[in-house]
């Protein structure tokens, strides 16, 4: 499984959203590296990022969640 697929799988399990740091910890790679993949997924319109000033939360996009065949 690729890194982007791991991120998607993790976010499916956390509909409340996760920070970049939490995602990096769960995937097992450095936060700076995970940032690249998160922004690629955002560009693919699969996730959204909510900026809360002191942190950013990532969520699965509703339309992607409904259309996805990824195991939750």
PDB file of N, CA and C in Angstrom:
ATOM      1  N   UNK A   1       0.847  -1.179   0.000  1.00  0.00           N
ATOM      2  CA  UNK A   1       0.000   0.000   0.000  1.00  0.00           C
ATOM      3  C   UNK A   1       0.893   1.243   0.000  1.00  0.00           C
ATOM      4  N   UNK A   2       0.539   2.217  -0.798  1.00  0.00           N
ATOM      5  CA  UNK A   2       1.300   3.452  -0.882  1.00  0.00           C
ATOM      6  C   UNK A   2       0.968   4.404   0.264  1.00  0.00           C
ATOM      7  N   UNK A   3       1.768   5.435   0.388  1.00  0.00           N
ATOM      8  CA  UNK A   3       1.589   6.400   1.473  1.00  0.00           C
ATOM      9  C   UNK A   3       0.245   7.116   1.362  1.00  0.00           C
ATOM     10  N   UNK A   4      -0.133   7.528   0.159  1.00  0.00           N
ATOM     11  CA  UNK A   4      -1.414   8.230   0.015  1.00  0.00           C
ATOM     12  C   UNK A   4      -2.586   7.325   0.392  1.00  0.00           C
ATOM     13  N   UNK A   5      -2.508   6.053   0.030  1.00  0.00           N
ATOM     14  CA  UNK A   5      -3.565   5.118   0.391  1.00  0.00           C
ATOM     15  C   UNK A   5      -3.628   4.928   1.911  1.00  0.00           C
ATOM     16  N   UNK A   6      -2.474   4.915   2.562  1.00  0.00           N
ATOM     17  CA  UNK A   6      -2.434   4.801   4.025  1.00  0.00           C
ATOM     18  C   UNK A   6      -3.090   6.028   4.675  1.00  0.00           C
ATOM     19  N   UNK A   7      -2.798   7.202   4.137  1.00  0.00           N
ATOM     20  CA  UNK A   7      -3.396   8.428   4.668  1.00  0.00           C
ATOM     21  C   UNK A   7      -4.913   8.372   4.541  1.00  0.00           C
ATOM     22  N   UNK A   8      -5.404   7.976   3.373  1.00  0.00           N
ATOM     23  CA  UNK A   8      -6.846   7.862   3.145  1.00  0.00           C
ATOM     24  C   UNK A   8      -7.460   6.886   4.140  1.00  0.00           C
ATOM     25  N   UNK A   9      -6.846   5.733   4.298  1.00  0.00           N
ATOM     26  CA  UNK A   9      -7.362   4.713   5.217  1.00  0.00           C
ATOM     27  C   UNK A   9      -7.433   5.248   6.646  1.00  0.00           C
ATOM     28  N   UNK A  10      -6.396   5.952   7.079  1.00  0.00           N
ATOM     29  CA  UNK A  10      -6.360   6.520   8.424  1.00  0.00           C
ATOM     30  C   UNK A  10      -7.451   7.576   8.592  1.00  0.00           C
ATOM     31  N   UNK A  11      -7.623   8.437   7.585  1.00  0.00           N
ATOM     32  CA  UNK A  11      -8.639   9.489   7.691  1.00  0.00           C
ATOM     33  C   UNK A  11     -10.063   8.930   7.680  1.00  0.00           C
ATOM     34  N   UNK A  12     -10.282   7.807   6.983  1.00  0.00           N
ATOM     35  CA  UNK A  12     -11.590   7.157   7.023  1.00  0.00           C
ATOM     36  C   UNK A  12     -11.925   6.735   8.450  1.00  0.00           C
ATOM     37  N   UNK A  13     -10.913   6.332   9.197  1.00  0.00           N
ATOM     38  CA  UNK A  13     -11.121   5.872  10.577  1.00  0.00           C
ATOM     39  C   UNK A  13     -11.302   7.033  11.555  1.00  0.00           C
ATOM     40  N   UNK A  14     -10.996   8.255  11.112  1.00  0.00           N
ATOM     41  CA  UNK A  14     -11.063   9.432  11.982  1.00  0.00           C
ATOM     42  C   UNK A  14     -11.839  10.566  11.310  1.00  0.00           C
ATOM     43  N   UNK A  15     -13.168  10.430  11.234  1.00  0.00           N
ATOM     44  CA  UNK A  15     -13.975  11.470  10.569  1.00  0.00           C
ATOM     45  C   UNK A  15     -13.908  12.828  11.268  1.00  0.00           C
ATOM     46  N   UNK A  16     -13.440  12.844  12.510  1.00  0.00           N
ATOM     47  CA  UNK A  16     -13.291  14.111  13.235  1.00  0.00           C
ATOM     48  C   UNK A  16     -12.093  14.903  12.749  1.00  0.00           C
ATOM     49  N   UNK A  17     -11.249  14.269  11.930  1.00  0.00           N
ATOM     50  CA  UNK A  17     -10.066  14.926  11.372  1.00  0.00           C
ATOM     51  C   UNK A  17      -8.826  14.644  12.204  1.00  0.00           C
ATOM     52  N   UNK A  18      -7.686  14.751  11.564  1.00  0.00           N
ATOM     53  CA  UNK A  18      -6.394  14.548  12.214  1.00  0.00           C
ATOM     54  C   UNK A  18      -5.434  15.646  11.788  1.00  0.00           C
ATOM     55  N   UNK A  19      -4.498  15.960  12.656  1.00  0.00           N
ATOM     56  CA  UNK A  19      -3.458  16.920  12.310  1.00  0.00           C
ATOM     57  C   UNK A  19      -2.400  16.246  11.449  1.00  0.00           C
ATOM     58  N   UNK A  20      -1.572  17.063  10.808  1.00  0.00           N
ATOM     59  CA  UNK A  20      -0.470  16.534  10.010  1.00  0.00           C
ATOM     60  C   UNK A  20       0.426  15.655  10.879  1.00  0.00           C
ATOM     61  N   UNK A  21       0.678  16.101  12.104  1.00  0.00           N
ATOM     62  CA  UNK A  21       1.547  15.357  13.019  1.00  0.00           C
ATOM     63  C   UNK A  21       0.945  14.004  13.380  1.00  0.00           C
ATOM     64  N   UNK A  22      -0.352  13.964  13.638  1.00  0.00           N
ATOM     65  CA  UNK A  22      -1.012  12.698  13.959  1.00  0.00           C
ATOM     66  C   UNK A  22      -0.959  11.736  12.778  1.00  0.00           C
ATOM     67  N   UNK A  23      -1.187  12.258  11.590  1.00  0.00           N
ATOM     68  CA  UNK A  23      -1.126  11.410  10.390  1.00  0.00           C
ATOM     69  C   UNK A  23       0.295  10.876  10.209  1.00  0.00           C
ATOM     70  N   UNK A  24       1.277  11.738  10.351  1.00  0.00           N
ATOM     71  CA  UNK A  24       2.680  11.326  10.199  1.00  0.00           C
ATOM     72  C   UNK A  24       3.027  10.223  11.194  1.00  0.00           C
ATOM     73  N   UNK A  25       2.587  10.379  12.435  1.00  0.00           N
ATOM     74  CA  UNK A  25       2.853   9.366  13.457  1.00  0.00           C
ATOM     75  C   UNK A  25       2.205   8.038  13.077  1.00  0.00           C
ATOM     76  N   UNK A  26       0.948   8.075  12.634  1.00  0.00           N
ATOM     77  CA  UNK A  26       0.230   6.845  12.287  1.00  0.00           C
ATOM     78  C   UNK A  26       0.814   6.154  11.059  1.00  0.00           C
ATOM     79  N   UNK A  27       1.280   6.935  10.094  1.00  0.00           N
ATOM     80  CA  UNK A  27       1.888   6.362   8.890  1.00  0.00           C
ATOM     81  C   UNK A  27       3.327   5.913   9.160  1.00  0.00           C
ATOM     82  N   UNK A  28       3.983   6.621  10.082  1.00  0.00           N
ATOM     83  CA  UNK A  28       5.348   6.253  10.444  1.00  0.00           C
ATOM     84  C   UNK A  28       6.423   6.949   9.632  1.00  0.00           C
ATOM     85  N   UNK A  29       6.091   8.144   9.134  1.00  0.00           N
ATOM     86  CA  UNK A  29       7.103   8.935   8.435  1.00  0.00           C
ATOM     87  C   UNK A  29       7.113  10.356   9.001  1.00  0.00           C
ATOM     88  N   UNK A  30       8.156  11.091   8.682  1.00  0.00           N
ATOM     89  CA  UNK A  30       8.349  12.438   9.230  1.00  0.00           C
ATOM     90  C   UNK A  30       7.232  13.376   8.787  1.00  0.00           C
ATOM     91  N   UNK A  31       6.892  14.319   9.648  1.00  0.00           N
ATOM     92  CA  UNK A  31       5.833  15.284   9.366  1.00  0.00           C
ATOM     93  C   UNK A  31       6.091  16.073   8.093  1.00  0.00           C
ATOM     94  N   UNK A  32       7.335  16.478   7.870  1.00  0.00           N
ATOM     95  CA  UNK A  32       7.642  17.237   6.650  1.00  0.00           C
ATOM     96  C   UNK A  32       7.367  16.415   5.395  1.00  0.00           C
ATOM     97  N   UNK A  33       7.628  15.129   5.453  1.00  0.00           N
ATOM     98  CA  UNK A  33       7.378  14.251   4.305  1.00  0.00           C
ATOM     99  C   UNK A  33       5.885  14.057   4.097  1.00  0.00           C
ATOM    100  N   UNK A  34       5.140  13.867   5.167  1.00  0.00           N
ATOM    101  CA  UNK A  34       3.696  13.629   5.049  1.00  0.00           C
ATOM    102  C   UNK A  34       2.991  14.838   4.453  1.00  0.00           C
ATOM    103  N   UNK A  35       3.507  16.033   4.702  1.00  0.00           N
ATOM    104  CA  UNK A  35       2.911  17.261   4.183  1.00  0.00           C
ATOM    105  C   UNK A  35       2.792  17.216   2.661  1.00  0.00           C
ATOM    106  N   UNK A  36       3.814  16.730   1.997  1.00  0.00           N
ATOM    107  CA  UNK A  36       3.803  16.613   0.525  1.00  0.00           C
ATOM    108  C   UNK A  36       2.614  15.766   0.072  1.00  0.00           C
ATOM    109  N   UNK A  37       2.420  14.627   0.700  1.00  0.00           N
ATOM    110  CA  UNK A  37       1.347  13.713   0.299  1.00  0.00           C
ATOM    111  C   UNK A  37      -0.035  14.276   0.640  1.00  0.00           C
ATOM    112  N   UNK A  38      -0.134  14.962   1.747  1.00  0.00           N
ATOM    113  CA  UNK A  38      -1.406  15.568   2.133  1.00  0.00           C
ATOM    114  C   UNK A  38      -1.818  16.610   1.096  1.00  0.00           C
ATOM    115  N   UNK A  39      -0.886  17.442   0.667  1.00  0.00           N
ATOM    116  CA  UNK A  39      -1.234  18.461  -0.327  1.00  0.00           C
ATOM    117  C   UNK A  39      -1.497  17.845  -1.703  1.00  0.00           C
ATOM    118  N   UNK A  40      -0.880  16.716  -2.017  1.00  0.00           N
ATOM    119  CA  UNK A  40      -1.209  16.017  -3.262  1.00  0.00           C
ATOM    120  C   UNK A  40      -2.647  15.503  -3.207  1.00  0.00           C
ATOM    121  N   UNK A  41      -3.038  14.917  -2.077  1.00  0.00           N
ATOM    122  CA  UNK A  41      -4.413  14.432  -1.918  1.00  0.00           C
ATOM    123  C   UNK A  41      -5.415  15.580  -1.951  1.00  0.00           C
ATOM    124  N   UNK A  42      -5.043  16.712  -1.386  1.00  0.00           N
ATOM    125  CA  UNK A  42      -5.911  17.895  -1.441  1.00  0.00           C
ATOM    126  C   UNK A  42      -6.070  18.338  -2.889  1.00  0.00           C
ATOM    127  N   UNK A  43      -4.975  18.341  -3.642  1.00  0.00           N
ATOM    128  CA  UNK A  43      -5.028  18.707  -5.057  1.00  0.00           C
ATOM    129  C   UNK A  43      -5.865  17.746  -5.883  1.00  0.00           C
ATOM    130  N   UNK A  44      -5.925  16.485  -5.466  1.00  0.00           N
ATOM    131  CA  UNK A  44      -6.750  15.481  -6.133  1.00  0.00           C
ATOM    132  C   UNK A  44      -8.204  15.545  -5.658  1.00  0.00           C
ATOM    133  N   UNK A  45      -8.504  16.491  -4.777  1.00  0.00           N
ATOM    134  CA  UNK A  45      -9.853  16.721  -4.245  1.00  0.00           C
ATOM    135  C   UNK A  45     -10.375  15.525  -3.453  1.00  0.00           C
ATOM    136  N   UNK A  46      -9.471  14.818  -2.766  1.00  0.00           N
ATOM    137  CA  UNK A  46      -9.867  13.674  -1.949  1.00  0.00           C
ATOM    138  C   UNK A  46      -9.958  14.022  -0.472  1.00  0.00           C
ATOM    139  N   UNK A  47      -9.214  15.030  -0.045  1.00  0.00           N
ATOM    140  CA  UNK A  47      -9.272  15.465   1.347  1.00  0.00           C
ATOM    141  C   UNK A  47      -9.390  16.980   1.400  1.00  0.00           C
ATOM    142  N   UNK A  48      -9.805  17.458   2.546  1.00  0.00           N
ATOM    143  CA  UNK A  48      -9.812  18.898   2.771  1.00  0.00           C
ATOM    144  C   UNK A  48      -8.972  19.184   4.006  1.00  0.00           C
ATOM    145  N   UNK A  49      -8.509  20.419   4.100  1.00  0.00           N
ATOM    146  CA  UNK A  49      -7.682  20.840   5.223  1.00  0.00           C
ATOM    147  C   UNK A  49      -8.351  22.041   5.866  1.00  0.00           C
ATOM    148  N   UNK A  50      -8.543  21.951   7.161  1.00  0.00           N
ATOM    149  CA  UNK A  50      -9.145  23.051   7.921  1.00  0.00           C
ATOM    150  C   UNK A  50      -8.051  23.726   8.733  1.00  0.00           C
ATOM    151  N   UNK A  51      -7.828  24.996   8.469  1.00  0.00           N
ATOM    152  CA  UNK A  51      -6.778  25.756   9.145  1.00  0.00           C
ATOM    153  C   UNK A  51      -7.356  26.397  10.403  1.00  0.00           C
ATOM    154  N   UNK A  52      -6.862  25.939  11.556  1.00  0.00           N
ATOM    155  CA  UNK A  52      -7.326  26.463  12.842  1.00  0.00           C
ATOM    156  C   UNK A  52      -6.269  27.347  13.493  1.00  0.00           C
ATOM    157  N   UNK A  53      -5.479  28.004  12.690  1.00  0.00           N
ATOM    158  CA  UNK A  53      -4.405  28.925  13.105  1.00  0.00           C
ATOM    159  C   UNK A  53      -3.228  28.194  13.743  1.00  0.00           C
ATOM    160  N   UNK A  54      -3.456  27.497  14.857  1.00  0.00           N
ATOM    161  CA  UNK A  54      -2.343  26.814  15.521  1.00  0.00           C
ATOM    162  C   UNK A  54      -2.133  25.397  14.994  1.00  0.00           C
ATOM    163  N   UNK A  55      -3.109  24.875  14.265  1.00  0.00           N
ATOM    164  CA  UNK A  55      -2.969  23.555  13.666  1.00  0.00           C
ATOM    165  C   UNK A  55      -3.879  23.445  12.468  1.00  0.00           C
ATOM    166  N   UNK A  56      -3.636  22.416  11.659  1.00  0.00           N
ATOM    167  CA  UNK A  56      -4.468  22.150  10.493  1.00  0.00           C
ATOM    168  C   UNK A  56      -5.013  20.741  10.616  1.00  0.00           C
ATOM    169  N   UNK A  57      -6.333  20.580  10.405  1.00  0.00           N
ATOM    170  CA  UNK A  57      -6.972  19.279  10.457  1.00  0.00           C
ATOM    171  C   UNK A  57      -7.284  18.814   9.052  1.00  0.00           C
ATOM    172  N   UNK A  58      -7.079  17.538   8.789  1.00  0.00           N
ATOM    173  CA  UNK A  58      -7.365  16.944   7.487  1.00  0.00           C
ATOM    174  C   UNK A  58      -8.585  16.052   7.591  1.00  0.00           C
ATOM    175  N   UNK A  59      -9.425  16.089   6.562  1.00  0.00           N
ATOM    176  CA  UNK A  59     -10.646  15.309   6.501  1.00  0.00           C
ATOM    177  C   UNK A  59     -10.782  14.684   5.120  1.00  0.00           C
ATOM    178  N   UNK A  60     -11.480  13.548   5.055  1.00  0.00           N
ATOM    179  CA  UNK A  60     -11.863  12.969   3.774  1.00  0.00           C
ATOM    180  C   UNK A  60     -12.994  13.824   3.215  1.00  0.00           C
ATOM    181  N   UNK A  61     -12.927  14.137   1.924  1.00  0.00           N
ATOM    182  CA  UNK A  61     -14.007  14.890   1.285  1.00  0.00           C
ATOM    183  C   UNK A  61     -15.244  14.000   1.187  1.00  0.00           C
ATOM    184  N   UNK A  62     -16.403  14.564   1.456  1.00  0.00           N
ATOM    185  CA  UNK A  62     -17.652  13.806   1.477  1.00  0.00           C
ATOM    186  C   UNK A  62     -17.891  13.071   0.149  1.00  0.00           C
ATOM    187  N   UNK A  63     -17.706  13.746  -0.975  1.00  0.00           N
ATOM    188  CA  UNK A  63     -17.969  13.100  -2.264  1.00  0.00           C
ATOM    189  C   UNK A  63     -17.010  11.937  -2.498  1.00  0.00           C
ATOM    190  N   UNK A  64     -15.766  12.053  -2.045  1.00  0.00           N
ATOM    191  CA  UNK A  64     -14.792  10.976  -2.204  1.00  0.00           C
ATOM    192  C   UNK A  64     -15.147   9.813  -1.294  1.00  0.00           C
ATOM    193  N   UNK A  65     -15.609  10.107  -0.104  1.00  0.00           N
ATOM    194  CA  UNK A  65     -15.982   9.085   0.862  1.00  0.00           C
ATOM    195  C   UNK A  65     -17.120   8.233   0.300  1.00  0.00           C
ATOM    196  N   UNK A  66     -18.084   8.868  -0.336  1.00  0.00           N
ATOM    197  CA  UNK A  66     -19.246   8.156  -0.877  1.00  0.00           C
ATOM    198  C   UNK A  66     -18.871   7.325  -2.097  1.00  0.00           C
ATOM    199  N   UNK A  67     -17.923   7.805  -2.898  1.00  0.00           N
ATOM    200  CA  UNK A  67     -17.553   7.112  -4.138  1.00  0.00           C
ATOM    201  C   UNK A  67     -16.422   6.106  -3.962  1.00  0.00           C
ATOM    202  N   UNK A  68     -15.721   6.162  -2.843  1.00  0.00           N
ATOM    203  CA  UNK A  68     -14.520   5.359  -2.647  1.00  0.00           C
ATOM    204  C   UNK A  68     -14.835   3.894  -2.366  1.00  0.00           C
ATOM    205  N   UNK A  69     -13.938   3.049  -2.865  1.00  0.00           N
ATOM    206  CA  UNK A  69     -14.050   1.620  -2.599  1.00  0.00           C
ATOM    207  C   UNK A  69     -12.963   1.176  -1.652  1.00  0.00           C
ATOM    208  N   UNK A  70     -12.297   2.141  -0.984  1.00  0.00           N
ATOM    209  CA  UNK A  70     -11.243   1.847  -0.022  1.00  0.00           C
ATOM    210  C   UNK A  70     -11.877   1.217   1.200  1.00  0.00           C
ATOM    211  N   UNK A  71     -11.256   0.147   1.722  1.00  0.00           N
ATOM    212  CA  UNK A  71     -11.744  -0.476   2.947  1.00  0.00           C
ATOM    213  C   UNK A  71     -11.633   0.498   4.100  1.00  0.00           C
ATOM    214  N   UNK A  72     -12.726   0.667   4.806  1.00  0.00           N
ATOM    215  CA  UNK A  72     -12.751   1.605   5.930  1.00  0.00           C
ATOM    216  C   UNK A  72     -12.241   0.948   7.139  1.00  0.00           C
TER     217      UNK A  72
END
